[in-house]
């Protein structure tokens, strides 16, 4: 199972959507707790960069002012 497939199938405290070679990941809510939990996923995604995808965009939340990423957009190499 590829890392991206694992992300799509094993959600949790994040939402994952796939459409036309692009995967979008975001926390389930904008709460500080969910944003902080999402940072673990952000680190994992960055660690596996190149495993069939690259990060097109990572958006830092402006609502919390502490550098928490609240959106990841990945492009798939072989979709």
N, C-alpha and C. Protein backbone atom coordinates (compact mmCIF):
# COMPACT_ATOMS: atom_id res chain seq x y z
N UNK A 1 0.85 -1.17 0.00
CA UNK A 1 0.00 0.00 0.00
C UNK A 1 0.90 1.24 0.00
N UNK A 2 0.62 2.17 -0.90
CA UNK A 2 1.43 3.38 -0.95
C UNK A 2 1.05 4.30 0.21
N UNK A 3 1.93 5.21 0.49
CA UNK A 3 1.70 6.16 1.58
C UNK A 3 0.43 6.98 1.32
N UNK A 4 0.22 7.43 0.08
CA UNK A 4 -0.96 8.23 -0.24
C UNK A 4 -2.23 7.40 -0.08
N UNK A 5 -2.21 6.15 -0.53
CA UNK A 5 -3.37 5.28 -0.37
C UNK A 5 -3.69 5.10 1.10
N UNK A 6 -2.67 4.94 1.91
CA UNK A 6 -2.85 4.83 3.35
C UNK A 6 -3.52 6.09 3.91
N UNK A 7 -3.08 7.25 3.47
CA UNK A 7 -3.68 8.51 3.92
C UNK A 7 -5.16 8.58 3.56
N UNK A 8 -5.48 8.18 2.33
CA UNK A 8 -6.86 8.26 1.86
C UNK A 8 -7.77 7.26 2.57
N UNK A 9 -7.25 6.10 2.91
CA UNK A 9 -8.07 5.05 3.50
C UNK A 9 -8.13 5.08 5.01
N UNK A 10 -7.13 5.67 5.64
CA UNK A 10 -7.03 5.58 7.09
C UNK A 10 -7.21 6.92 7.78
N UNK A 11 -8.06 7.78 7.26
CA UNK A 11 -8.33 9.09 7.85
C UNK A 11 -8.12 9.14 9.35
N UNK A 12 -8.80 9.92 10.01
CA UNK A 12 -8.64 10.09 11.44
C UNK A 12 -9.11 11.48 11.78
N UNK A 13 -8.21 12.28 12.29
CA UNK A 13 -8.57 13.65 12.65
C UNK A 13 -8.27 14.60 11.50
N UNK A 14 -8.39 14.08 10.28
CA UNK A 14 -8.21 14.90 9.09
C UNK A 14 -9.15 14.42 7.99
N UNK A 15 -9.39 15.29 7.04
CA UNK A 15 -10.20 14.97 5.87
C UNK A 15 -9.28 14.82 4.68
N UNK A 16 -9.53 13.82 3.86
CA UNK A 16 -8.72 13.57 2.67
C UNK A 16 -9.63 13.46 1.46
N UNK A 17 -9.30 14.18 0.40
CA UNK A 17 -10.07 14.13 -0.83
C UNK A 17 -9.10 13.92 -1.99
N UNK A 18 -9.53 13.12 -2.97
CA UNK A 18 -8.70 12.88 -4.15
C UNK A 18 -9.52 13.21 -5.38
N UNK A 19 -8.91 13.98 -6.29
CA UNK A 19 -9.58 14.33 -7.53
C UNK A 19 -8.54 14.64 -8.60
N UNK A 20 -8.60 13.93 -9.71
CA UNK A 20 -7.77 14.19 -10.89
C UNK A 20 -6.29 14.38 -10.56
N UNK A 21 -5.70 13.44 -9.85
CA UNK A 21 -4.28 13.49 -9.59
C UNK A 21 -3.85 14.44 -8.49
N UNK A 22 -4.81 14.93 -7.72
CA UNK A 22 -4.51 15.85 -6.62
C UNK A 22 -5.18 15.31 -5.35
N UNK A 23 -4.43 15.33 -4.26
CA UNK A 23 -4.97 14.94 -2.95
C UNK A 23 -4.92 16.16 -2.05
N UNK A 24 -6.05 16.44 -1.39
CA UNK A 24 -6.14 17.56 -0.46
C UNK A 24 -6.35 16.99 0.93
N UNK A 25 -5.56 17.46 1.88
CA UNK A 25 -5.65 17.03 3.27
C UNK A 25 -5.86 18.26 4.14
N UNK A 26 -6.79 18.13 5.10
CA UNK A 26 -7.04 19.23 6.04
C UNK A 26 -7.54 18.65 7.34
N UNK A 27 -7.37 19.38 8.44
CA UNK A 27 -7.89 18.89 9.72
C UNK A 27 -9.42 18.87 9.69
N UNK A 28 -10.03 18.09 10.58
CA UNK A 28 -11.48 17.98 10.59
C UNK A 28 -12.16 19.27 11.03
N UNK A 29 -11.45 20.12 11.74
CA UNK A 29 -12.01 21.41 12.15
C UNK A 29 -10.87 22.41 12.28
N UNK A 30 -11.22 23.64 12.55
CA UNK A 30 -10.25 24.71 12.72
C UNK A 30 -9.89 24.92 14.19
N UNK A 31 -10.26 23.97 15.03
CA UNK A 31 -9.94 24.10 16.45
C UNK A 31 -8.44 23.94 16.66
N UNK A 32 -7.93 24.54 17.70
CA UNK A 32 -6.50 24.43 18.01
C UNK A 32 -6.11 22.97 18.20
N UNK A 33 -6.94 22.20 18.86
CA UNK A 33 -6.66 20.78 19.11
C UNK A 33 -6.51 20.01 17.80
N UNK A 34 -7.45 20.21 16.87
CA UNK A 34 -7.37 19.50 15.60
C UNK A 34 -6.21 19.98 14.75
N UNK A 35 -5.94 21.28 14.78
CA UNK A 35 -4.79 21.80 14.04
C UNK A 35 -3.48 21.25 14.58
N UNK A 36 -3.37 21.17 15.88
CA UNK A 36 -2.15 20.62 16.48
C UNK A 36 -2.00 19.14 16.14
N UNK A 37 -3.09 18.40 16.18
CA UNK A 37 -3.03 16.97 15.81
C UNK A 37 -2.65 16.80 14.34
N UNK A 38 -3.09 17.70 13.49
CA UNK A 38 -2.80 17.65 12.05
C UNK A 38 -1.31 17.82 11.77
N UNK A 39 -0.60 18.49 12.65
CA UNK A 39 0.84 18.74 12.44
C UNK A 39 1.63 17.44 12.38
N UNK A 40 1.18 16.43 13.09
CA UNK A 40 1.82 15.11 13.02
C UNK A 40 1.71 14.56 11.60
N UNK A 41 0.55 14.71 11.01
CA UNK A 41 0.35 14.26 9.63
C UNK A 41 1.22 15.08 8.68
N UNK A 42 1.29 16.38 8.89
CA UNK A 42 2.13 17.26 8.06
C UNK A 42 3.57 16.76 8.08
N UNK A 43 4.09 16.43 9.25
CA UNK A 43 5.47 15.92 9.35
C UNK A 43 5.63 14.61 8.59
N UNK A 44 4.66 13.72 8.72
CA UNK A 44 4.72 12.43 8.01
C UNK A 44 4.70 12.63 6.50
N UNK A 45 3.83 13.53 6.03
CA UNK A 45 3.75 13.81 4.59
C UNK A 45 5.08 14.36 4.09
N UNK A 46 5.66 15.27 4.83
CA UNK A 46 6.95 15.84 4.43
C UNK A 46 8.05 14.79 4.44
N UNK A 47 8.01 13.88 5.41
CA UNK A 47 9.02 12.82 5.49
C UNK A 47 8.93 11.84 4.32
N UNK A 48 7.73 11.65 3.77
CA UNK A 48 7.53 10.69 2.67
C UNK A 48 7.47 11.36 1.30
N UNK A 49 7.81 12.64 1.23
CA UNK A 49 7.81 13.37 -0.04
C UNK A 49 8.58 12.56 -1.08
N UNK A 50 8.00 12.42 -2.26
CA UNK A 50 8.64 11.65 -3.33
C UNK A 50 8.11 10.23 -3.44
N UNK A 51 7.33 9.78 -2.47
CA UNK A 51 6.75 8.43 -2.49
C UNK A 51 5.45 8.47 -3.32
N UNK A 52 5.58 8.83 -4.58
CA UNK A 52 4.43 8.88 -5.48
C UNK A 52 3.71 10.22 -5.50
N UNK A 53 4.22 11.22 -4.82
CA UNK A 53 3.59 12.54 -4.79
C UNK A 53 4.63 13.61 -4.47
N UNK A 54 4.22 14.84 -4.68
CA UNK A 54 4.98 15.98 -4.18
C UNK A 54 3.99 16.98 -3.60
N UNK A 55 4.45 17.79 -2.70
CA UNK A 55 3.60 18.79 -2.07
C UNK A 55 3.50 19.99 -2.99
N UNK A 56 2.29 20.28 -3.42
CA UNK A 56 2.04 21.43 -4.26
C UNK A 56 1.85 22.69 -3.41
N UNK A 57 1.18 22.51 -2.28
CA UNK A 57 0.89 23.66 -1.42
C UNK A 57 0.75 23.21 0.02
N UNK A 58 1.32 23.97 0.93
CA UNK A 58 1.00 23.81 2.35
C UNK A 58 0.67 25.20 2.88
N UNK A 59 -0.48 25.31 3.44
CA UNK A 59 -1.01 26.60 3.87
C UNK A 59 -0.92 26.72 5.38
N UNK A 60 -0.33 27.79 5.85
CA UNK A 60 -0.23 28.04 7.29
C UNK A 60 -1.45 28.86 7.72
N UNK A 61 -2.10 28.41 8.76
CA UNK A 61 -3.30 29.08 9.27
C UNK A 61 -2.96 30.48 9.77
N UNK A 62 -3.78 31.43 9.39
CA UNK A 62 -3.60 32.79 9.90
C UNK A 62 -4.46 33.03 11.13
N UNK A 63 -5.31 32.08 11.46
CA UNK A 63 -6.24 32.24 12.59
C UNK A 63 -5.58 32.00 13.94
N UNK A 64 -4.51 31.23 13.97
CA UNK A 64 -3.94 30.84 15.26
C UNK A 64 -2.59 31.48 15.55
N UNK A 65 -1.95 32.02 14.53
CA UNK A 65 -0.73 32.79 14.72
C UNK A 65 0.47 32.04 15.26
N UNK A 66 0.48 30.73 15.16
CA UNK A 66 1.61 29.95 15.68
C UNK A 66 2.23 29.03 14.61
N UNK A 67 1.97 29.31 13.35
CA UNK A 67 2.59 28.54 12.27
C UNK A 67 2.03 27.16 12.04
N UNK A 68 0.77 26.94 12.36
CA UNK A 68 0.16 25.63 12.16
C UNK A 68 -0.35 25.50 10.73
N UNK A 69 0.04 24.42 10.05
CA UNK A 69 -0.42 24.15 8.69
C UNK A 69 -1.85 23.63 8.77
N UNK A 70 -2.75 24.23 7.96
CA UNK A 70 -4.15 23.80 7.98
C UNK A 70 -4.62 23.25 6.64
N UNK A 71 -3.71 23.11 5.68
CA UNK A 71 -4.08 22.57 4.37
C UNK A 71 -2.83 22.06 3.67
N UNK A 72 -2.92 20.85 3.14
CA UNK A 72 -1.88 20.29 2.29
C UNK A 72 -2.52 19.89 0.97
N UNK A 73 -1.88 20.27 -0.13
CA UNK A 73 -2.33 19.85 -1.45
C UNK A 73 -1.16 19.10 -2.08
N UNK A 74 -1.41 17.86 -2.46
CA UNK A 74 -0.39 16.98 -3.03
C UNK A 74 -0.73 16.67 -4.48
N UNK A 75 0.28 16.63 -5.34
CA UNK A 75 0.07 16.16 -6.71
C UNK A 75 0.66 14.77 -6.79
N UNK A 76 -0.10 13.88 -7.41
CA UNK A 76 0.30 12.48 -7.54
C UNK A 76 1.14 12.30 -8.80
N UNK A 77 2.19 11.49 -8.71
CA UNK A 77 3.06 11.25 -9.84
C UNK A 77 2.41 10.30 -10.83
N UNK A 78 1.80 9.26 -10.35
CA UNK A 78 1.16 8.25 -11.21
C UNK A 78 -0.28 8.09 -10.80
N UNK A 79 -1.13 8.88 -11.38
CA UNK A 79 -2.55 8.78 -11.02
C UNK A 79 -3.24 8.09 -12.13
